[in-house]
Protein backbone atom coordinates (compact mmCIF):
# COMPACT_ATOMS: atom_id res chain seq x y z
CA MET A 1 0.08 0.17 0.00
CA ALA A 2 1.57 3.28 -0.89
CA LYS A 3 2.04 5.63 1.60
CA LYS A 4 -0.03 8.94 2.17
CA LEU A 5 1.25 12.01 1.99
CA ASN A 6 -1.45 15.17 2.32
CA PHE A 7 -2.34 16.09 5.78
CA ASP A 8 -6.21 15.67 5.11
CA GLN A 9 -6.45 15.22 8.81
CA GLY A 10 -6.50 19.34 9.15
CA GLU A 11 -3.53 21.15 10.27
CA TYR A 12 -0.54 19.60 10.97
CA LYS A 13 0.93 22.81 13.52
CA GLU A 14 4.48 21.76 14.22
CA ALA A 15 4.68 21.07 10.42
CA VAL A 16 3.04 24.32 9.25
CA LYS A 17 5.80 26.15 12.15
CA PHE A 18 8.21 24.48 10.67
CA PHE A 19 7.42 25.39 7.16
CA ARG A 20 6.25 28.70 7.10
CA GLN A 21 9.83 30.15 9.42
CA LYS A 22 11.80 29.42 6.47
CA ILE A 23 13.40 31.91 4.50
CA ASN A 24 12.91 31.79 0.50
CA LEU A 25 16.02 31.34 -1.89
CA PRO A 26 16.47 31.41 -4.88
CA THR A 27 18.74 28.15 -6.28
CA LYS A 28 20.35 27.36 -9.80
CA LYS A 29 21.25 24.15 -8.95
CA TRP A 30 19.73 21.24 -6.26
CA ASN A 31 22.26 20.85 -4.27
CA ASP A 32 23.55 24.67 -3.60
CA LEU A 33 22.77 24.34 -0.18
CA GLU A 34 24.37 22.33 2.35
CA GLY A 35 21.75 19.81 3.25
CA ALA A 36 20.96 20.71 7.07
CA MET A 37 20.51 24.41 5.42
CA HIS A 38 17.10 23.09 4.38
CA THR A 39 15.63 23.46 7.57
CA ARG A 40 15.65 27.25 7.48
CA ALA A 41 15.34 28.00 3.59
CA PHE A 42 12.35 26.70 1.01
CA THR A 43 14.43 26.16 -2.25
CA VAL A 44 13.33 25.27 -5.94
CA ALA A 45 16.08 23.75 -7.82
CA GLY A 46 16.71 27.01 -10.86
CA CYS A 47 14.03 29.26 -9.58
CA MET A 48 16.11 32.19 -9.31
CA ARG A 49 12.45 34.56 -9.47
CA ASP A 50 11.36 36.21 -5.74
CA ASP A 51 7.70 35.59 -7.31
CA ILE A 52 8.33 32.27 -8.83
CA LEU A 53 9.50 31.08 -5.63
CA SER A 54 6.58 33.31 -3.88
CA ASP A 55 3.95 31.27 -5.76
CA PHE A 56 5.63 27.83 -5.23
CA ARG A 57 5.94 28.17 -1.61
CA ASN A 58 2.37 29.52 -1.17
CA ALA A 59 1.32 26.03 -3.30
CA VAL A 60 3.36 24.62 -1.11
CA ASP A 61 1.55 26.19 2.34
CA ALA A 62 -1.63 24.87 0.98
CA ALA A 63 -0.54 21.91 1.06
CA ILE A 64 0.42 21.12 4.28
CA SER A 65 -1.48 24.10 6.43
CA LYS A 66 -4.83 22.53 4.34
CA GLY A 67 -4.26 19.05 3.21
CA GLU A 68 -4.47 20.11 -0.12
CA SER A 69 -3.50 16.79 -2.68
CA LEU A 70 -0.18 15.74 -4.82
CA GLN A 71 -3.18 16.28 -7.76
CA ASP A 72 -3.93 19.90 -5.97
CA PHE A 73 -0.43 20.55 -5.94
CA ARG A 74 0.07 19.99 -9.61
CA GLU A 75 -2.43 22.37 -10.60
CA ARG A 76 -1.28 24.30 -8.75
CA PHE A 77 2.28 23.89 -10.41
CA ASP A 78 1.08 24.17 -14.03
CA ASP A 79 -0.24 28.03 -13.29
CA ILE A 80 3.38 28.40 -11.93
CA ALA A 81 5.28 26.78 -14.08
CA GLU A 82 3.97 28.77 -17.42
CA LYS A 83 5.44 31.86 -15.74
CA TRP A 84 8.46 30.60 -15.10
CA ARG A 85 8.31 29.38 -18.68
CA ALA A 86 8.40 32.62 -20.24
CA SER A 87 11.22 34.40 -18.43
CA ASP A 88 13.71 30.40 -18.54
CA LYS A 89 14.61 29.26 -21.72
CA ASN A 90 16.46 26.17 -20.27
CA PHE A 91 13.13 25.41 -17.53
CA ASN A 92 10.91 25.61 -20.74
CA GLU A 93 12.98 23.00 -22.73
CA LYS A 94 12.77 20.83 -19.78
CA MET A 95 9.11 21.29 -19.51
CA LYS A 96 8.68 20.33 -23.15
CA LYS A 97 9.66 16.95 -22.31
CA HIS A 98 7.01 13.77 -21.78
CA GLY A 99 6.46 13.40 -18.02
CA TYR A 100 8.67 16.08 -17.24
CA ALA A 101 6.04 18.71 -14.96
CA GLY A 102 4.42 15.45 -13.07
CA TRP A 103 8.08 14.05 -12.17
CA ARG A 104 8.76 17.61 -11.23
CA SER A 105 5.69 18.59 -9.34
CA LYS A 106 5.67 15.40 -7.56
CA VAL A 107 9.63 15.97 -6.50
CA ILE A 108 9.06 19.65 -5.32
CA TYR A 109 5.35 18.28 -3.26
CA GLN A 110 6.54 14.99 -1.68
CA THR A 111 9.87 16.48 -0.06
CA ASN A 112 7.81 19.23 1.45
CA MET A 113 5.77 17.29 3.12
CA LEU A 114 8.08 14.28 3.96
CA THR A 115 10.20 16.85 4.97
CA ALA A 116 7.67 19.11 7.41
CA ALA A 117 6.24 15.69 8.71
CA ALA A 118 9.67 14.09 9.55
CA ALA A 119 10.35 17.56 11.57
CA ALA A 120 6.85 18.32 13.15
CA GLN A 121 7.85 14.47 15.07
CA GLU A 122 10.89 15.96 15.92
CA ARG A 123 9.41 18.93 17.16
CA GLN A 124 6.92 16.92 18.94
CA VAL A 125 9.41 14.22 20.82
CA ARG A 126 11.24 17.25 21.69
CA ASP A 127 8.60 18.96 23.92
CA PRO A 128 10.13 20.05 27.16
CA ASP A 129 7.52 18.77 28.87
CA LEU A 130 8.46 15.21 27.19
CA LYS A 131 11.26 15.23 28.74
CA GLY A 132 13.29 11.57 28.87
CA VAL A 133 9.35 9.85 27.39
CA PHE A 134 11.21 9.09 24.49
CA THR A 135 14.19 7.29 25.10
CA HIS A 136 15.03 5.14 21.62
CA ALA A 137 13.65 5.67 17.76
CA LYS A 138 13.41 2.62 15.56
CA TYR A 139 13.81 2.94 11.53
CA VAL A 140 11.07 2.38 9.71
CA CYS A 141 11.56 1.48 5.88
CA MET A 142 7.90 0.63 3.73
CA MET A 143 8.98 -2.28 2.24
CA LEU A 144 7.25 -0.87 -1.38
CA PRO A 145 8.94 -1.63 -4.51
CA THR A 146 10.61 1.38 -4.67
CA SER A 147 12.83 1.56 -1.35
CA ARG A 148 16.43 1.55 -1.42
CA ASP A 149 17.97 -2.09 -1.36
CA GLN A 150 20.23 -0.59 1.92
CA HIS A 151 17.34 1.32 3.58
CA ARG A 152 15.37 -2.14 4.11
CA LEU A 153 18.46 -3.42 5.64
CA TRP A 154 18.06 -0.57 8.48
CA ASN A 155 14.08 -1.74 8.36
CA GLY A 156 13.86 -2.13 12.63
CA THR A 157 16.85 -0.69 14.05
CA VAL A 158 16.38 0.41 17.21
CA LEU A 159 18.47 2.82 18.97
CA PRO A 160 18.82 5.62 22.02
CA VAL A 161 17.78 8.95 20.71
CA ASP A 162 20.91 10.39 21.22
CA HIS A 163 22.75 7.57 19.56
CA PRO A 164 25.32 8.76 16.51
CA TRP A 165 24.02 7.11 14.24
CA TRP A 166 20.66 9.51 13.84
CA ASP A 167 23.34 12.40 13.13
CA LYS A 168 23.17 11.22 9.41
CA HIS A 169 21.05 8.67 8.81
CA SER A 170 17.42 10.01 10.41
CA PRO A 171 15.51 9.61 7.50
CA PRO A 172 13.88 10.79 4.52
CA ASN A 173 17.37 10.06 3.83
CA GLY A 174 17.49 10.73 0.11
CA PHE A 175 14.35 11.54 -2.73
CA GLY A 176 11.86 9.59 -3.10
CA CYS A 177 12.83 8.15 0.62
CA LEU A 178 9.71 7.17 2.41
CA CYS A 179 11.41 5.63 5.55
CA GLU A 180 10.14 7.04 8.66
CA LYS A 181 11.91 7.34 12.16
CA GLU A 182 9.64 6.06 15.15
CA PHE A 183 10.04 7.64 18.81
CA ILE A 184 9.68 4.85 21.01
CA SER A 185 9.12 5.86 25.42
CA GLY A 186 11.13 4.23 27.62
CA TYR A 187 7.93 2.32 28.81
CA GLU A 188 7.81 0.39 26.54
CA MET A 189 11.59 -0.44 26.67
CA GLN A 190 11.10 -1.47 29.63
CA VAL A 191 7.91 -4.07 29.07
CA GLY A 192 10.03 -5.88 25.91
CA ALA A 193 7.46 -4.41 23.70
CA GLU A 194 11.32 -2.76 21.71
CA ARG A 195 14.37 -4.15 21.81
CA GLU A 196 17.34 -2.13 21.41
CA THR A 197 19.62 -3.06 18.28
CA LYS A 198 23.53 -2.51 16.92
CA ALA A 199 23.71 0.32 14.56
CA PRO A 200 23.67 -1.51 11.31
CA THR A 201 26.80 0.58 10.29
CA PRO A 202 29.20 2.91 11.20
CA ALA A 203 27.70 6.35 12.35
CA THR A 204 29.02 8.45 10.17
CA ASP A 205 29.35 6.24 6.79
CA THR A 206 26.91 7.42 4.57
CA THR A 207 27.06 5.64 1.23
CA ASN A 208 23.66 4.88 1.16
CA ILE A 209 22.08 8.25 1.91
CA GLY A 210 21.40 10.92 -1.12
CA GLU A 211 23.78 13.84 -1.33
CA ASN A 212 22.94 16.74 1.11
CA TRP A 213 20.03 14.12 3.10
CA ASP A 214 22.85 13.11 5.28
CA TYR A 215 21.53 15.21 8.56
CA SER A 216 18.90 15.04 11.24
CA ILE A 217 16.16 16.80 10.33
CA GLY A 218 15.42 17.49 14.60
CA GLU A 219 18.97 18.26 15.40
CA ALA A 220 19.51 21.25 12.51
CA ASP A 221 16.32 22.68 13.81
CA GLN A 222 15.31 22.64 17.32
CA GLY A 223 18.84 21.31 18.13
CA VAL A 224 19.79 18.72 21.17
CA SER A 225 21.50 19.10 24.05
CA TRP A 226 23.94 16.55 23.83
CA ALA A 227 26.15 18.81 20.96
CA SER A 228 28.83 20.59 22.81
CA GLU A 229 29.52 16.93 24.57
CA ARG A 230 31.15 15.87 21.32
CA ALA A 231 35.25 15.87 21.38
CA GLU A 232 35.14 17.43 17.85
CA VAL A 233 33.63 20.59 19.36
CA GLN A 234 35.03 21.20 22.48
CA ASP A 235 38.29 23.14 22.21
CA LYS A 236 35.88 25.68 19.84
CA LEU A 237 33.64 25.83 22.86
CA LYS A 238 36.70 27.02 25.03
CA LYS A 239 37.54 29.86 22.57
CA ARG A 240 34.33 30.93 23.14
CA ILE A 241 33.49 30.05 19.75
CA TYR A 242 29.68 29.14 19.73
CA TRP A 243 28.47 29.11 15.82
CA GLU A 244 30.51 28.72 12.84
CA ASP A 245 30.26 29.47 9.21
CA VAL A 246 29.26 26.48 6.88
CA PRO A 247 29.87 26.33 3.70
CA GLN A 248 27.63 26.25 0.81
CA LYS A 249 27.82 25.78 -2.78
CA GLY A 250 27.50 27.79 -5.87
CA ILE A 251 25.79 31.55 -5.41
CA TRP A 252 25.63 30.71 -1.67
CA ASN A 253 29.48 29.90 -2.08
CA THR A 254 30.08 32.59 1.59
CA SER A 255 33.32 34.04 2.17
CA ASN A 256 34.95 36.60 3.73
CA ASN A 257 34.12 39.26 1.24
CA SER A 258 34.44 42.15 3.74
CA SER A 259 33.63 45.59 2.76
CA LEU A 260 34.27 48.50 5.28
CA ASN A 261 33.89 51.11 2.60
CA LEU A 262 30.08 51.95 4.18
CA PRO A 263 28.53 55.41 3.47
CA VAL A 264 28.67 57.34 7.01
CA GLU A 265 25.58 58.18 8.37
CA THR A 266 25.63 61.69 10.53
CA ASP A 267 22.06 62.87 10.04
CA GLU A 268 21.19 63.62 13.95
CA LYS A 269 17.48 62.20 13.63
CA PHE A 270 19.09 58.75 14.41
CA ALA A 271 21.28 59.69 16.77
CA PRO A 272 21.16 57.96 20.32
CA ASP A 273 17.91 59.34 21.66
CA GLU A 274 18.49 58.85 26.23
CA THR A 275 15.04 59.48 26.25
CA ILE A 276 13.87 56.19 25.13
CA ASN A 277 14.16 53.49 28.00
CA GLN A 278 11.86 49.75 28.68
CA SER A 279 8.66 51.80 29.81
CA ASN A 280 8.28 53.69 26.37
CA PHE A 281 9.97 51.03 24.23
CA VAL A 282 6.02 49.91 22.89
CA ASP A 283 5.68 52.88 21.95
CA ASN A 284 9.42 53.77 20.33
CA LEU A 285 8.77 50.87 18.10
CA ASN A 286 5.40 51.54 17.25
CA LYS A 287 7.05 54.75 15.43
CA LEU A 288 9.97 53.89 14.35
CA PHE A 289 9.62 50.68 13.32
CA GLY A 290 6.15 50.25 12.41
CA LYS A 291 3.10 49.07 14.16
CA VAL A 292 3.42 46.26 17.10
CA GLU A 293 0.25 43.94 15.86
CA ASN A 294 0.09 40.64 18.14
CA GLY A 295 3.43 41.36 19.30
CA ILE A 296 4.68 41.74 16.35
CA SER A 297 6.42 44.67 14.24
CA THR A 298 6.98 44.43 10.46
CA VAL A 299 9.39 46.37 8.51
CA SER A 300 10.25 46.74 4.66
CA PHE A 301 13.23 47.79 2.80
CA LYS A 302 12.77 48.41 -0.62
CA ASP A 303 14.90 50.11 -2.93
CA SER A 304 13.75 51.65 -5.38
CA LEU A 305 16.33 51.83 -7.87
CA THR A 306 16.74 47.77 -8.03
CA ASN A 307 13.74 47.14 -6.71
CA PHE A 308 15.36 44.79 -4.16
CA GLU A 309 12.99 43.76 -1.34
CA TYR A 310 13.35 42.14 2.31
CA VAL A 311 10.12 41.92 5.16
CA THR A 312 12.02 41.24 8.77
CA ARG A 313 9.75 40.66 11.62
CA ILE A 314 10.37 41.34 15.30
CA ASP A 315 9.37 39.68 18.38
CA ALA A 316 9.00 43.31 20.61
CA ASP A 317 9.06 41.35 24.13
CA PHE A 318 12.34 39.31 22.85
CA LEU A 319 14.03 42.53 21.21
CA ALA A 320 13.16 44.65 24.92
CA ASP A 321 14.86 41.88 26.41
CA HIS A 322 18.02 41.99 24.93
CA LEU A 323 18.26 45.44 24.64
CA LYS A 324 17.45 45.36 28.61
CA GLY A 325 21.00 43.13 28.58
CA LYS A 326 22.69 41.99 31.50
CA GLY A 327 25.02 45.35 30.81
CA LYS A 328 24.02 48.95 30.01
CA ALA A 329 20.27 48.98 28.52
CA ARG A 330 21.07 50.22 24.61
CA PHE A 331 17.54 51.52 24.39
CA ALA A 332 18.70 54.63 22.91
CA ASN A 333 19.91 53.07 19.98
CA LEU A 334 16.94 52.06 18.82
CA PRO A 335 16.97 55.22 16.06
CA MET A 336 19.66 53.60 14.28
CA TYR A 337 18.76 50.32 14.89
CA ALA A 338 15.48 51.19 12.55
CA GLU A 339 16.89 53.50 10.18
CA THR A 340 20.10 50.04 10.01
CA LEU A 341 16.21 48.13 8.46
CA LYS A 342 14.77 50.79 6.73
CA ASN A 343 17.51 52.21 5.17
CA PRO A 344 20.90 49.29 4.72
CA SER A 345 23.37 50.35 3.45
CA GLU A 346 24.52 46.25 3.13
CA ILE A 347 22.50 43.18 3.64
CA ARG A 348 24.59 39.70 4.03
CA ILE A 349 23.00 35.90 4.55
CA LYS A 350 25.16 34.04 6.46
CA PHE A 351 24.76 30.02 7.04
CA MET A 352 25.76 29.14 11.11
CA LYS A 353 25.57 26.39 12.66
CA SER A 354 25.51 26.51 16.57
CA LEU A 355 28.32 24.08 18.31
CA LYS A 356 26.57 24.20 21.23
CA THR A 357 23.35 22.26 19.77
CA GLY A 358 23.80 21.36 16.35
CA LYS A 359 21.41 23.75 15.30
CA SER A 360 21.17 25.34 11.71
CA ALA A 361 20.38 29.07 10.70
CA ILE A 362 20.22 31.21 8.18
CA ARG A 363 21.04 34.70 8.88
CA ALA A 364 19.97 38.22 7.23
CA VAL A 365 22.55 40.53 8.12
CA PHE A 366 21.46 44.01 8.03
CA TRP A 367 24.95 46.72 7.95
CA LYS A 368 25.16 50.50 7.99
CA ARG A 369 27.71 52.99 9.83
CA PHE A 370 26.91 56.07 11.32
CA LYS A 371 29.17 58.39 13.06
CA TYR A 372 28.00 61.07 16.18
CA GLY A 373 30.54 63.50 17.51
CA LYS A 374 33.28 61.71 17.71
CA LYS A 375 32.01 57.98 17.95
CA ASN A 376 31.38 55.64 15.08
CA TYR A 377 29.02 53.08 15.29
CA PHE A 378 28.90 49.96 13.48
CA VAL A 379 25.41 48.81 13.56
CA GLU A 380 24.46 45.44 12.74
CA ILE A 381 21.46 43.18 12.85
CA VAL A 382 21.31 40.13 12.86
CA ASN A 383 17.81 37.69 12.60
CA ASP A 384 17.75 34.27 12.21
CA SER A 385 14.98 32.84 8.88
CA GLY A 386 13.73 36.35 8.58
CA ILE A 387 11.95 35.62 11.71
CA GLY A 388 14.01 37.26 14.29
CA GLU A 389 13.31 35.06 16.87
CA ASP A 390 17.39 35.65 17.55
CA PHE A 391 16.79 39.17 17.05
CA ARG A 392 20.94 40.70 17.98
CA LEU A 393 22.67 43.47 17.63
CA TYR A 394 25.96 44.90 18.04
CA THR A 395 26.26 48.49 17.96
CA SER A 396 29.81 49.51 18.73
CA TYR A 397 33.09 48.22 17.65
CA ALA A 398 36.60 49.47 19.07
CA ASN A 399 38.41 49.56 15.40
CA ASP A 400 37.51 48.47 11.72
CA ASP A 401 39.42 45.38 12.35
CA LYS A 402 36.79 44.22 14.43
CA ALA A 403 34.17 45.31 12.47
CA GLY A 404 35.73 43.37 9.79
CA LYS A 405 36.08 40.41 10.83
CA ALA A 406 32.11 40.12 11.61
CA MET A 407 30.88 41.05 7.83
CA THR A 408 31.26 37.87 6.35
CA GLY A 409 28.46 35.87 4.35
CA THR A 410 27.17 36.24 0.50
CA VAL A 411 26.09 40.31 0.25
CA ILE A 412 22.67 40.32 -1.42
CA TYR A 413 21.66 44.02 -1.00
CA GLN A 414 24.37 47.36 -1.67
CA LYS A 415 23.49 50.09 -1.06
CA PRO A 416 23.94 52.10 -5.37
């Protein structure tokens, strides 16, 4: 019996949340992004137009949140593909091939549905209220005619949830792979409903895993408490290095392309305002950033010359807590932060991994330089996956060298 993919039981909230925290990223090839970064980015291989990528995203969102079927998605795909064909000769030629549209639409639908379902399950078992309940996991192969031979051999493998084998072998393990990871409670293990087995292959052996599928969706999305115990990260943590850049391929190949020649903003209306404090923070956020609705302030930036557009959603409570900090509060700098988001000199994309937890992040980094009196401010605003759930700001650097070292990543916008 073929495995059902659509969420016809209604909205699967963890799957919806997982999908909606992603940002749209154009790619030229299917393997432009390192595997784990797909937990943070929505991509359609070869799609470089923002409007078409957004159309595909809306179609996938409808499938995940409303339970639309593959046939529903294919109807949407056909309409989107017509727009894409008109502006892309290569895609137009591919669409002329018999069966291509059916194959391509299935790959997009299936890949997003399977990964959203896997991420949702991982989020559920990682709920703090369920800590310690699920002690083991089992590899389940559907045993279909299309199942890979090696995946059949892995069927029934039962290992502790923190076993390193899952770091590379958590399903799905390739395009079209319908394998699942079934979580087992400590009680089930105690009463003998399941028995622990040995790992069928070395933990680092990825021979029978598809390119860019050798990662744990749960770890990349939510992180794990035992990641910091790994020997290979201990030295870095001792040096207070908590996040590291993750190199990508193709157009997202990140390298240190620092450019400190940012224009200097001196307009006094953006200067630090000492009258802003925690008590009037929300009023000033409404005035400087945008009206706070349901705890979120939305800031839109669009360059009239290049038509580049970027929208940032800010968690007001998170930002207030961040600015309060452990040392001197930084509420006075709010005008500079707002201007940096509304009129940045530069925006970069950075691909990061937490050494403490293994969690992946794609960060949009806004840069702007200010000078008031004798003081220089290199303002850096960082938000994970475009949502602002890890809204970090660095407001002043002692010298150009320190700021330059922080300016890594791929430039997606520079002020003309």
